[in-house]
């Protein structure tokens, strides 16, 4: 099983391991940095990117949603390591924007990290994980059309962040919270349409 993660650790690992000389961070950088840690971080990080201020950049939520869907499909099929097509690996966002976002969200992620721990692990066992992967695939795809509605892509983004962290940290309670937020957010989005 992949190592247990924390949100703050994910952001710090990305910041530390991306070449400081690079002005842009690509989704390929994200995959190569977190490939050995399992699928959880590869669902969590693009979801974070999509609902944090970086997600306000046109096209970013869609690219993150496609990446999440591709990674989730591979998890659903039982693949041992993720793969992304070249075009998606080359999608980038500014490193300066990443650092600004990190400065703003790190205090929040530290508080969240204190709550994440292994529990209700039956929700993230192999059988349940494939069902979750099907759901995260649908959420990733849903981010594409939701990008046109203000803040709507944040709903699947928050849900996917919680599910990704829950999978990586073996925290079924985080996964359940993500599912509840998804339900509430789905009702909210339905009222907007």
N, C-alpha and C. Protein backbone atom coordinates (compact mmCIF):
# COMPACT_ATOMS: atom_id res chain seq x y z
N UNK A 1 0.85 -1.19 0.00
CA UNK A 1 0.00 0.00 0.00
C UNK A 1 0.88 1.24 0.00
N UNK A 2 0.41 2.31 -0.62
CA UNK A 2 1.17 3.55 -0.69
C UNK A 2 1.29 4.16 0.71
N UNK A 3 2.32 4.98 0.88
CA UNK A 3 2.52 5.61 2.19
C UNK A 3 1.38 6.57 2.51
N UNK A 4 1.14 6.78 3.79
CA UNK A 4 0.10 7.71 4.20
C UNK A 4 0.60 9.14 4.00
N UNK A 5 -0.31 10.01 3.57
CA UNK A 5 0.10 11.37 3.22
C UNK A 5 -0.65 12.40 4.06
N UNK A 6 -0.15 13.60 3.98
CA UNK A 6 -0.81 14.76 4.56
C UNK A 6 -0.86 15.82 3.48
N UNK A 7 -1.89 16.66 3.52
CA UNK A 7 -2.05 17.71 2.51
C UNK A 7 -0.85 18.65 2.47
N UNK A 8 -0.41 19.10 3.63
CA UNK A 8 0.72 20.01 3.69
C UNK A 8 1.97 19.36 3.11
N UNK A 9 2.16 18.09 3.42
CA UNK A 9 3.32 17.36 2.89
C UNK A 9 3.28 17.26 1.37
N UNK A 10 2.09 17.08 0.80
CA UNK A 10 1.96 17.03 -0.65
C UNK A 10 2.40 18.34 -1.29
N UNK A 11 1.89 19.44 -0.75
CA UNK A 11 2.23 20.76 -1.31
C UNK A 11 3.72 21.05 -1.13
N UNK A 12 4.27 20.71 0.03
CA UNK A 12 5.70 20.96 0.27
C UNK A 12 6.56 20.09 -0.64
N UNK A 13 6.17 18.84 -0.85
CA UNK A 13 6.93 17.95 -1.73
C UNK A 13 6.93 18.48 -3.15
N UNK A 14 5.79 18.96 -3.60
CA UNK A 14 5.72 19.52 -4.95
C UNK A 14 6.62 20.74 -5.07
N UNK A 15 6.56 21.63 -4.09
CA UNK A 15 7.37 22.84 -4.11
C UNK A 15 8.86 22.52 -4.07
N UNK A 16 9.25 21.55 -3.24
CA UNK A 16 10.67 21.21 -3.10
C UNK A 16 11.22 20.46 -4.30
N UNK A 17 10.41 19.61 -4.91
CA UNK A 17 10.94 18.73 -5.94
C UNK A 17 10.85 19.27 -7.35
N UNK A 18 10.07 20.32 -7.56
CA UNK A 18 10.05 20.95 -8.89
C UNK A 18 11.27 21.85 -8.97
N UNK A 19 11.99 21.76 -10.05
CA UNK A 19 13.20 22.54 -10.27
C UNK A 19 12.92 24.03 -10.03
N UNK A 20 13.66 24.65 -9.12
CA UNK A 20 13.46 26.05 -8.76
C UNK A 20 13.67 27.00 -9.93
N UNK A 21 14.42 26.56 -10.94
CA UNK A 21 14.66 27.42 -12.10
C UNK A 21 13.47 27.45 -13.06
N UNK A 22 12.55 26.51 -12.91
CA UNK A 22 11.40 26.46 -13.79
C UNK A 22 10.37 27.51 -13.40
N UNK A 23 9.85 28.22 -14.39
CA UNK A 23 8.82 29.22 -14.11
C UNK A 23 7.43 28.62 -14.16
N UNK A 24 7.32 27.45 -14.75
CA UNK A 24 6.04 26.76 -14.89
C UNK A 24 6.13 25.37 -14.25
N UNK A 25 5.03 24.94 -13.67
CA UNK A 25 4.91 23.60 -13.13
C UNK A 25 3.92 22.86 -14.03
N UNK A 26 4.30 21.69 -14.52
CA UNK A 26 3.43 20.93 -15.41
C UNK A 26 2.75 19.79 -14.66
N UNK A 27 1.65 19.31 -15.24
CA UNK A 27 1.00 18.13 -14.66
C UNK A 27 1.93 16.92 -14.73
N UNK A 28 2.82 16.91 -15.72
CA UNK A 28 3.83 15.85 -15.80
C UNK A 28 4.76 15.88 -14.59
N UNK A 29 5.11 17.10 -14.13
CA UNK A 29 5.93 17.22 -12.92
C UNK A 29 5.20 16.59 -11.73
N UNK A 30 3.91 16.88 -11.63
CA UNK A 30 3.10 16.36 -10.53
C UNK A 30 3.11 14.83 -10.55
N UNK A 31 2.89 14.24 -11.74
CA UNK A 31 2.86 12.78 -11.85
C UNK A 31 4.20 12.17 -11.49
N UNK A 32 5.29 12.74 -12.01
CA UNK A 32 6.60 12.14 -11.74
C UNK A 32 6.98 12.26 -10.27
N UNK A 33 6.59 13.34 -9.62
CA UNK A 33 6.92 13.52 -8.20
C UNK A 33 6.15 12.54 -7.33
N UNK A 34 4.88 12.29 -7.65
CA UNK A 34 4.03 11.48 -6.77
C UNK A 34 3.76 10.07 -7.28
N UNK A 35 4.38 9.68 -8.37
CA UNK A 35 4.13 8.37 -8.97
C UNK A 35 4.32 7.22 -7.98
N UNK A 36 5.36 7.26 -7.19
CA UNK A 36 5.65 6.18 -6.26
C UNK A 36 4.80 6.19 -5.01
N UNK A 37 3.98 7.21 -4.83
CA UNK A 37 3.15 7.29 -3.62
C UNK A 37 1.74 6.78 -3.83
N UNK A 38 1.47 6.24 -4.99
CA UNK A 38 0.14 5.71 -5.26
C UNK A 38 -0.77 6.70 -5.95
N UNK A 39 -2.01 6.32 -6.07
CA UNK A 39 -2.98 7.12 -6.82
C UNK A 39 -3.59 8.25 -6.00
N UNK A 40 -3.64 8.11 -4.68
CA UNK A 40 -4.25 9.13 -3.82
C UNK A 40 -3.71 10.53 -4.07
N UNK A 41 -2.38 10.72 -4.03
CA UNK A 41 -1.84 12.06 -4.27
C UNK A 41 -2.12 12.57 -5.69
N UNK A 42 -2.22 11.65 -6.66
CA UNK A 42 -2.46 12.07 -8.04
C UNK A 42 -3.93 12.42 -8.29
N UNK A 43 -4.78 12.10 -7.35
CA UNK A 43 -6.16 12.60 -7.37
C UNK A 43 -6.24 13.88 -6.55
N UNK A 44 -5.55 13.88 -5.41
CA UNK A 44 -5.62 15.00 -4.48
C UNK A 44 -5.03 16.29 -5.05
N UNK A 45 -3.82 16.22 -5.59
CA UNK A 45 -3.15 17.44 -6.02
C UNK A 45 -3.86 18.17 -7.15
N UNK A 46 -4.27 17.50 -8.23
CA UNK A 46 -5.01 18.24 -9.26
C UNK A 46 -6.34 18.79 -8.73
N UNK A 47 -6.96 18.05 -7.80
CA UNK A 47 -8.20 18.54 -7.21
C UNK A 47 -7.95 19.82 -6.42
N UNK A 48 -6.85 19.85 -5.65
CA UNK A 48 -6.47 21.07 -4.93
C UNK A 48 -6.23 22.23 -5.90
N UNK A 49 -5.48 21.93 -6.96
CA UNK A 49 -5.15 22.96 -7.96
C UNK A 49 -6.44 23.52 -8.56
N UNK A 50 -7.44 22.66 -8.77
CA UNK A 50 -8.68 23.08 -9.41
C UNK A 50 -9.56 23.95 -8.52
N UNK A 51 -9.57 23.72 -7.21
CA UNK A 51 -10.48 24.52 -6.39
C UNK A 51 -9.80 25.65 -5.63
N UNK A 52 -8.49 25.69 -5.63
CA UNK A 52 -7.78 26.82 -5.04
C UNK A 52 -7.72 27.95 -6.08
N UNK A 53 -7.16 29.10 -5.77
CA UNK A 53 -7.13 30.21 -6.74
C UNK A 53 -6.51 29.86 -8.09
N UNK A 54 -5.64 28.86 -8.15
CA UNK A 54 -5.09 28.45 -9.45
C UNK A 54 -6.18 27.97 -10.38
N UNK A 55 -7.29 27.49 -9.84
CA UNK A 55 -8.40 27.01 -10.64
C UNK A 55 -9.19 28.10 -11.33
N UNK A 56 -8.90 29.36 -11.00
CA UNK A 56 -9.56 30.48 -11.67
C UNK A 56 -9.01 30.72 -13.07
N UNK A 57 -7.85 30.15 -13.36
CA UNK A 57 -7.25 30.28 -14.69
C UNK A 57 -8.08 29.44 -15.65
N UNK A 58 -8.59 30.04 -16.73
CA UNK A 58 -9.42 29.28 -17.67
C UNK A 58 -8.69 28.03 -18.18
N UNK A 59 -9.38 26.93 -18.15
CA UNK A 59 -8.83 25.66 -18.64
C UNK A 59 -8.20 24.80 -17.57
N UNK A 60 -7.78 25.38 -16.46
CA UNK A 60 -7.12 24.61 -15.41
C UNK A 60 -8.05 23.57 -14.79
N UNK A 61 -9.29 23.93 -14.40
CA UNK A 61 -10.17 22.89 -13.85
C UNK A 61 -10.44 21.75 -14.84
N UNK A 62 -10.58 22.09 -16.12
CA UNK A 62 -10.82 21.04 -17.12
C UNK A 62 -9.62 20.11 -17.24
N UNK A 63 -8.43 20.67 -17.32
CA UNK A 63 -7.22 19.84 -17.42
C UNK A 63 -7.05 18.98 -16.17
N UNK A 64 -7.31 19.56 -15.01
CA UNK A 64 -7.20 18.79 -13.76
C UNK A 64 -8.26 17.69 -13.73
N UNK A 65 -9.47 18.00 -14.20
CA UNK A 65 -10.53 17.00 -14.24
C UNK A 65 -10.19 15.84 -15.16
N UNK A 66 -9.61 16.16 -16.32
CA UNK A 66 -9.20 15.10 -17.25
C UNK A 66 -8.12 14.24 -16.62
N UNK A 67 -7.15 14.88 -15.96
CA UNK A 67 -6.07 14.12 -15.31
C UNK A 67 -6.65 13.20 -14.23
N UNK A 68 -7.56 13.74 -13.43
CA UNK A 68 -8.18 12.94 -12.37
C UNK A 68 -8.94 11.75 -12.96
N UNK A 69 -9.69 12.01 -14.04
CA UNK A 69 -10.45 10.93 -14.68
C UNK A 69 -9.51 9.85 -15.22
N UNK A 70 -8.42 10.26 -15.88
CA UNK A 70 -7.49 9.27 -16.43
C UNK A 70 -6.81 8.45 -15.33
N UNK A 71 -6.41 9.11 -14.27
CA UNK A 71 -5.77 8.41 -13.14
C UNK A 71 -6.78 7.48 -12.47
N UNK A 72 -8.02 7.95 -12.31
CA UNK A 72 -9.05 7.14 -11.66
C UNK A 72 -9.41 5.92 -12.48
N UNK A 73 -9.48 6.07 -13.80
CA UNK A 73 -9.77 4.91 -14.66
C UNK A 73 -8.68 3.86 -14.49
N UNK A 74 -7.43 4.30 -14.42
CA UNK A 74 -6.33 3.35 -14.24
C UNK A 74 -6.42 2.65 -12.88
N UNK A 75 -6.82 3.39 -11.85
CA UNK A 75 -7.01 2.80 -10.53
C UNK A 75 -8.16 1.79 -10.57
N UNK A 76 -9.23 2.14 -11.25
CA UNK A 76 -10.38 1.27 -11.37
C UNK A 76 -10.01 -0.04 -12.09
N UNK A 77 -9.10 0.04 -13.05
CA UNK A 77 -8.67 -1.13 -13.81
C UNK A 77 -7.58 -1.94 -13.10
N UNK A 78 -7.14 -1.45 -11.93
CA UNK A 78 -6.14 -2.19 -11.15
C UNK A 78 -4.71 -1.96 -11.57
N UNK A 79 -4.43 -0.89 -12.31
CA UNK A 79 -3.04 -0.59 -12.72
C UNK A 79 -2.21 -0.28 -11.48
N UNK A 80 -0.91 -0.58 -11.57
CA UNK A 80 -0.04 -0.36 -10.41
C UNK A 80 0.60 1.02 -10.40
N UNK A 81 0.74 1.64 -11.59
CA UNK A 81 1.29 2.99 -11.62
C UNK A 81 0.59 3.80 -12.70
N UNK A 82 0.44 5.11 -12.46
CA UNK A 82 -0.32 5.96 -13.37
C UNK A 82 0.46 6.39 -14.62
N UNK A 83 -0.29 6.71 -15.66
CA UNK A 83 0.26 7.21 -16.92
C UNK A 83 -0.64 8.32 -17.42
N UNK A 84 -0.05 9.37 -18.02
CA UNK A 84 -0.80 10.45 -18.65
C UNK A 84 -0.29 10.65 -20.07
N UNK A 85 -1.17 11.01 -21.00
CA UNK A 85 -0.71 11.31 -22.36
C UNK A 85 0.17 12.56 -22.37
N UNK A 86 1.06 12.63 -23.35
CA UNK A 86 2.04 13.72 -23.43
C UNK A 86 1.39 15.10 -23.40
N UNK A 87 0.31 15.28 -24.14
CA UNK A 87 -0.33 16.60 -24.20
C UNK A 87 -0.82 17.06 -22.83
N UNK A 88 -1.36 16.15 -22.05
CA UNK A 88 -1.83 16.50 -20.71
C UNK A 88 -0.66 16.71 -19.76
N UNK A 89 0.41 15.93 -19.90
CA UNK A 89 1.60 16.12 -19.05
C UNK A 89 2.20 17.50 -19.24
N UNK A 90 2.02 18.11 -20.42
CA UNK A 90 2.64 19.40 -20.71
C UNK A 90 1.81 20.60 -20.26
N UNK A 91 0.57 20.39 -19.79
CA UNK A 91 -0.25 21.48 -19.28
C UNK A 91 0.44 22.07 -18.05
N UNK A 92 0.54 23.40 -18.00
CA UNK A 92 1.31 24.01 -16.91
C UNK A 92 0.58 25.19 -16.29
N UNK A 93 1.07 25.59 -15.13
CA UNK A 93 0.62 26.79 -14.43
C UNK A 93 1.85 27.41 -13.79
N UNK A 94 1.78 28.71 -13.54
CA UNK A 94 2.94 29.44 -13.04
C UNK A 94 3.40 29.00 -11.66
N UNK A 95 4.71 28.84 -11.51
CA UNK A 95 5.28 28.46 -10.22
C UNK A 95 5.01 29.54 -9.17
N UNK A 96 5.06 30.80 -9.59
CA UNK A 96 4.80 31.90 -8.65
C UNK A 96 3.37 31.82 -8.11
N UNK A 97 2.42 31.42 -8.97
CA UNK A 97 1.04 31.27 -8.52
C UNK A 97 0.94 30.12 -7.52
N UNK A 98 1.67 29.02 -7.77
CA UNK A 98 1.69 27.89 -6.85
C UNK A 98 2.22 28.33 -5.48
N UNK A 99 3.31 29.09 -5.47
CA UNK A 99 3.89 29.53 -4.20
C UNK A 99 2.96 30.48 -3.45
N UNK A 100 2.27 31.35 -4.18
CA UNK A 100 1.30 32.26 -3.54
C UNK A 100 0.18 31.47 -2.90
N UNK A 101 -0.35 30.50 -3.64
CA UNK A 101 -1.43 29.66 -3.12
C UNK A 101 -0.95 28.89 -1.89
N UNK A 102 0.26 28.33 -1.97
CA UNK A 102 0.80 27.56 -0.84
C UNK A 102 0.90 28.41 0.42
N UNK A 103 1.37 29.64 0.27
CA UNK A 103 1.47 30.52 1.43
C UNK A 103 0.12 30.77 2.08
N UNK A 104 -0.92 30.88 1.24
CA UNK A 104 -2.25 31.15 1.77
C UNK A 104 -2.92 29.93 2.39
N UNK A 105 -2.70 28.75 1.80
CA UNK A 105 -3.44 27.57 2.26
C UNK A 105 -2.71 26.70 3.27
N UNK A 106 -1.41 26.87 3.42
CA UNK A 106 -0.66 26.02 4.33
C UNK A 106 -1.20 26.05 5.77
N UNK A 107 -1.56 27.21 6.33
CA UNK A 107 -2.14 27.17 7.68
C UNK A 107 -3.42 26.33 7.76
N UNK A 108 -4.22 26.36 6.70
CA UNK A 108 -5.46 25.58 6.67
C UNK A 108 -5.13 24.09 6.54
N UNK A 109 -4.21 23.75 5.64
CA UNK A 109 -3.88 22.33 5.45
C UNK A 109 -3.25 21.73 6.70
N UNK A 110 -2.52 22.51 7.45
CA UNK A 110 -1.93 22.00 8.70
C UNK A 110 -3.02 21.62 9.70
N UNK A 111 -4.07 22.43 9.76
CA UNK A 111 -5.19 22.12 10.66
C UNK A 111 -5.92 20.86 10.19
N UNK A 112 -6.12 20.75 8.87
CA UNK A 112 -6.79 19.58 8.32
C UNK A 112 -5.96 18.32 8.56
N UNK A 113 -4.63 18.44 8.41
CA UNK A 113 -3.75 17.29 8.59
C UNK A 113 -3.87 16.67 9.98
N UNK A 114 -4.18 17.49 10.98
CA UNK A 114 -4.32 16.95 12.34
C UNK A 114 -5.54 16.03 12.46
N UNK A 115 -6.49 16.20 11.56
CA UNK A 115 -7.72 15.40 11.60
C UNK A 115 -7.61 14.10 10.80
N UNK A 116 -6.66 14.03 9.87
CA UNK A 116 -6.53 12.87 8.99
C UNK A 116 -5.75 11.76 9.69
N UNK A 117 -6.37 10.58 9.76
CA UNK A 117 -5.70 9.42 10.36
C UNK A 117 -6.38 8.15 9.85
N UNK A 118 -5.72 7.01 9.92
CA UNK A 118 -6.34 5.77 9.46
C UNK A 118 -7.56 5.41 10.32
N UNK A 119 -8.70 5.24 9.67
CA UNK A 119 -9.94 4.81 10.33
C UNK A 119 -10.94 4.40 9.25
N UNK A 120 -11.91 3.61 9.64
CA UNK A 120 -12.92 3.11 8.70
C UNK A 120 -12.26 2.62 7.40
N UNK A 121 -11.20 1.84 7.56
CA UNK A 121 -10.39 1.44 6.41
C UNK A 121 -11.12 0.54 5.42
N UNK A 122 -12.22 -0.04 5.81
CA UNK A 122 -13.00 -0.87 4.89
C UNK A 122 -13.48 -0.06 3.69
N UNK A 123 -13.62 1.25 3.86
CA UNK A 123 -14.07 2.11 2.75
C UNK A 123 -13.00 2.25 1.67
N UNK A 124 -11.74 2.04 2.05
CA UNK A 124 -10.65 2.19 1.07
C UNK A 124 -9.97 0.86 0.77
N UNK A 125 -10.64 -0.27 1.08
CA UNK A 125 -10.11 -1.58 0.69
C UNK A 125 -10.23 -1.74 -0.82
N UNK A 126 -9.57 -2.76 -1.35
CA UNK A 126 -9.49 -2.94 -2.81
C UNK A 126 -10.83 -2.90 -3.53
N UNK A 127 -11.81 -3.66 -3.06
CA UNK A 127 -13.11 -3.68 -3.74
C UNK A 127 -13.79 -2.32 -3.72
N UNK A 128 -13.84 -1.71 -2.55
CA UNK A 128 -14.46 -0.39 -2.42
C UNK A 128 -13.67 0.66 -3.19
N UNK A 129 -12.36 0.48 -3.27
CA UNK A 129 -11.50 1.43 -3.97
C UNK A 129 -11.85 1.51 -5.45
N UNK A 130 -12.19 0.40 -6.04
CA UNK A 130 -12.57 0.40 -7.47
C UNK A 130 -13.89 1.13 -7.67
N UNK A 131 -14.81 0.99 -6.74
CA UNK A 131 -16.08 1.73 -6.82
C UNK A 131 -15.81 3.23 -6.65
N UNK A 132 -14.96 3.56 -5.68
CA UNK A 132 -14.58 4.97 -5.49
C UNK A 132 -13.90 5.53 -6.74
N UNK A 133 -13.08 4.72 -7.38
CA UNK A 133 -12.39 5.16 -8.60
C UNK A 133 -13.39 5.47 -9.71
N UNK A 134 -14.46 4.68 -9.79
CA UNK A 134 -15.50 4.97 -10.78
C UNK A 134 -16.16 6.31 -10.47
N UNK A 135 -16.41 6.56 -9.19
CA UNK A 135 -17.03 7.83 -8.78
C UNK A 135 -16.09 9.00 -9.03
N UNK A 136 -14.80 8.84 -8.71
CA UNK A 136 -13.85 9.95 -8.94
C UNK A 136 -13.66 10.20 -10.44
N UNK A 137 -13.81 9.16 -11.26
CA UNK A 137 -13.76 9.35 -12.71
C UNK A 137 -14.90 10.26 -13.15
N UNK A 138 -16.09 9.98 -12.65
CA UNK A 138 -17.26 10.81 -13.01
C UNK A 138 -17.10 12.25 -12.51
N UNK A 139 -16.56 12.41 -11.30
CA UNK A 139 -16.35 13.76 -10.77
C UNK A 139 -15.32 14.53 -11.60
N UNK A 140 -14.25 13.83 -12.00
CA UNK A 140 -13.24 14.47 -12.84
C UNK A 140 -13.83 14.94 -14.16
N UNK A 141 -14.64 14.10 -14.78
CA UNK A 141 -15.29 14.47 -16.04
C UNK A 141 -16.27 15.63 -15.81
N UNK A 142 -16.97 15.62 -14.67
CA UNK A 142 -17.93 16.68 -14.36
C UNK A 142 -17.28 18.04 -14.21
N UNK A 143 -15.98 18.07 -13.88
CA UNK A 143 -15.30 19.36 -13.71
C UNK A 143 -15.22 20.14 -15.03
N UNK A 144 -15.26 19.42 -16.15
CA UNK A 144 -15.11 20.08 -17.45
C UNK A 144 -16.28 21.03 -17.72
N UNK A 145 -17.53 20.56 -17.74
CA UNK A 145 -18.62 21.51 -17.99
C UNK A 145 -18.87 22.48 -16.83
N UNK A 146 -18.53 22.04 -15.60
CA UNK A 146 -18.77 22.90 -14.44
C UNK A 146 -17.85 24.12 -14.42
N UNK A 147 -16.79 24.08 -15.20
CA UNK A 147 -15.86 25.21 -15.23
C UNK A 147 -16.55 26.50 -15.68
N UNK A 148 -17.61 26.39 -16.46
CA UNK A 148 -18.28 27.60 -16.97
C UNK A 148 -19.15 28.27 -15.92
N UNK A 149 -19.54 27.55 -14.86
CA UNK A 149 -20.33 28.14 -13.78
C UNK A 149 -19.39 28.64 -12.69
N UNK A 150 -19.61 29.85 -12.19
CA UNK A 150 -18.72 30.39 -11.16
C UNK A 150 -18.65 29.47 -9.93
N UNK A 151 -17.46 29.10 -9.56
CA UNK A 151 -17.16 28.30 -8.36
C UNK A 151 -17.71 26.88 -8.39
N UNK A 152 -18.39 26.48 -9.44
CA UNK A 152 -19.01 25.14 -9.47
C UNK A 152 -17.96 24.03 -9.52
N UNK A 153 -16.82 24.25 -10.19
CA UNK A 153 -15.78 23.22 -10.26
C UNK A 153 -15.14 22.99 -8.89
N UNK A 154 -15.35 23.92 -7.97
CA UNK A 154 -14.80 23.75 -6.62
C UNK A 154 -15.49 22.61 -5.87
N UNK A 155 -16.75 22.34 -6.18
CA UNK A 155 -17.48 21.28 -5.47
C UNK A 155 -16.84 19.92 -5.72
N UNK A 156 -16.67 19.50 -6.99
CA UNK A 156 -15.97 18.23 -7.17
C UNK A 156 -14.51 18.32 -6.75
N UNK A 157 -13.92 19.51 -6.83
CA UNK A 157 -12.53 19.68 -6.40
C UNK A 157 -12.34 19.37 -4.92
N UNK A 158 -13.21 19.92 -4.09
CA UNK A 158 -13.14 19.66 -2.64
C UNK A 158 -13.43 18.18 -2.35
N UNK A 159 -14.46 17.65 -3.02
CA UNK A 159 -14.80 16.24 -2.84
C UNK A 159 -13.63 15.34 -3.21
N UNK A 160 -13.02 15.60 -4.37
CA UNK A 160 -11.90 14.79 -4.83
C UNK A 160 -10.69 14.93 -3.93
N UNK A 161 -10.48 16.12 -3.38
CA UNK A 161 -9.37 16.32 -2.44
C UNK A 161 -9.56 15.41 -1.22
N UNK A 162 -10.75 15.43 -0.66
CA UNK A 162 -11.02 14.60 0.52
C UNK A 162 -10.93 13.11 0.20
N UNK A 163 -11.45 12.70 -0.95
CA UNK A 163 -11.38 11.29 -1.32
C UNK A 163 -9.92 10.88 -1.56
N UNK A 164 -9.17 11.73 -2.28
CA UNK A 164 -7.76 11.42 -2.54
C UNK A 164 -6.94 11.30 -1.27
N UNK A 165 -7.15 12.24 -0.35
CA UNK A 165 -6.45 12.18 0.94
C UNK A 165 -6.90 10.95 1.72
N UNK A 166 -8.20 10.68 1.70
CA UNK A 166 -8.72 9.52 2.41
C UNK A 166 -8.13 8.22 1.88
N UNK A 167 -8.02 8.11 0.56
CA UNK A 167 -7.43 6.92 -0.05
C UNK A 167 -5.97 6.79 0.34
N UNK A 168 -5.22 7.88 0.23
CA UNK A 168 -3.79 7.83 0.52
C UNK A 168 -3.50 7.62 2.00
N UNK A 169 -4.32 8.20 2.86
CA UNK A 169 -4.09 8.10 4.31
C UNK A 169 -4.89 6.96 4.95
N UNK A 170 -5.64 6.21 4.14
CA UNK A 170 -6.49 5.12 4.64
C UNK A 170 -7.52 5.64 5.65
N UNK A 171 -8.05 6.84 5.36
CA UNK A 171 -9.02 7.49 6.23
C UNK A 171 -10.40 7.46 5.59
N UNK A 172 -11.19 6.44 5.94
CA UNK A 172 -12.53 6.31 5.40
C UNK A 172 -13.45 7.45 5.79
N UNK A 173 -13.19 8.06 6.94
CA UNK A 173 -14.03 9.18 7.37
C UNK A 173 -13.85 10.37 6.42
N UNK A 174 -12.63 10.62 5.94
CA UNK A 174 -12.40 11.70 4.97
C UNK A 174 -13.12 11.40 3.66
N UNK A 175 -13.10 10.13 3.26
CA UNK A 175 -13.82 9.73 2.04
C UNK A 175 -15.31 9.97 2.21
N UNK A 176 -15.87 9.56 3.36
CA UNK A 176 -17.30 9.75 3.62
C UNK A 176 -17.67 11.23 3.63
N UNK A 177 -16.82 12.06 4.23
CA UNK A 177 -17.08 13.50 4.23
C UNK A 177 -17.08 14.04 2.80
N UNK A 178 -16.15 13.57 1.99
CA UNK A 178 -16.12 13.96 0.59
C UNK A 178 -17.39 13.58 -0.15
N UNK A 179 -17.91 12.39 0.13
CA UNK A 179 -19.14 11.94 -0.51
C UNK A 179 -20.34 12.79 -0.08
N UNK A 180 -20.38 13.17 1.19
CA UNK A 180 -21.46 14.03 1.69
C UNK A 180 -21.38 15.40 1.02
N UNK A 181 -20.18 15.96 0.94
CA UNK A 181 -20.01 17.26 0.28
C UNK A 181 -20.43 17.18 -1.18
N UNK A 182 -20.12 16.06 -1.82
CA UNK A 182 -20.52 15.86 -3.21
C UNK A 182 -22.04 15.88 -3.35
N UNK A 183 -22.73 15.23 -2.44
CA UNK A 183 -24.18 15.20 -2.48
C UNK A 183 -24.76 16.61 -2.29
N UNK A 184 -24.29 17.31 -1.27
CA UNK A 184 -24.77 18.66 -1.00
C UNK A 184 -24.43 19.59 -2.17
N UNK A 185 -23.18 19.47 -2.68
CA UNK A 185 -22.77 20.30 -3.80
C UNK A 185 -23.55 20.01 -5.06
N UNK A 186 -23.89 18.74 -5.27
CA UNK A 186 -24.70 18.38 -6.44
C UNK A 186 -26.07 19.03 -6.39
N UNK A 187 -26.67 19.08 -5.22
CA UNK A 187 -27.97 19.75 -5.05
C UNK A 187 -27.81 21.24 -5.31
N UNK A 188 -26.75 21.85 -4.78
CA UNK A 188 -26.50 23.28 -4.98
C UNK A 188 -26.32 23.61 -6.47
N UNK A 189 -25.51 22.79 -7.16
CA UNK A 189 -25.28 23.02 -8.58
C UNK A 189 -26.57 22.84 -9.37
N UNK A 190 -27.38 21.86 -9.01
CA UNK A 190 -28.65 21.63 -9.69
C UNK A 190 -29.57 22.84 -9.56
N UNK A 191 -29.52 23.52 -8.42
CA UNK A 191 -30.37 24.71 -8.24
C UNK A 191 -29.84 25.89 -9.05
N UNK A 192 -28.57 25.89 -9.40
CA UNK A 192 -27.99 26.98 -10.19
C UNK A 192 -28.34 26.85 -11.68
N UNK A 193 -28.59 25.63 -12.11
CA UNK A 193 -28.80 25.39 -13.55
C UNK A 193 -30.21 25.72 -13.96
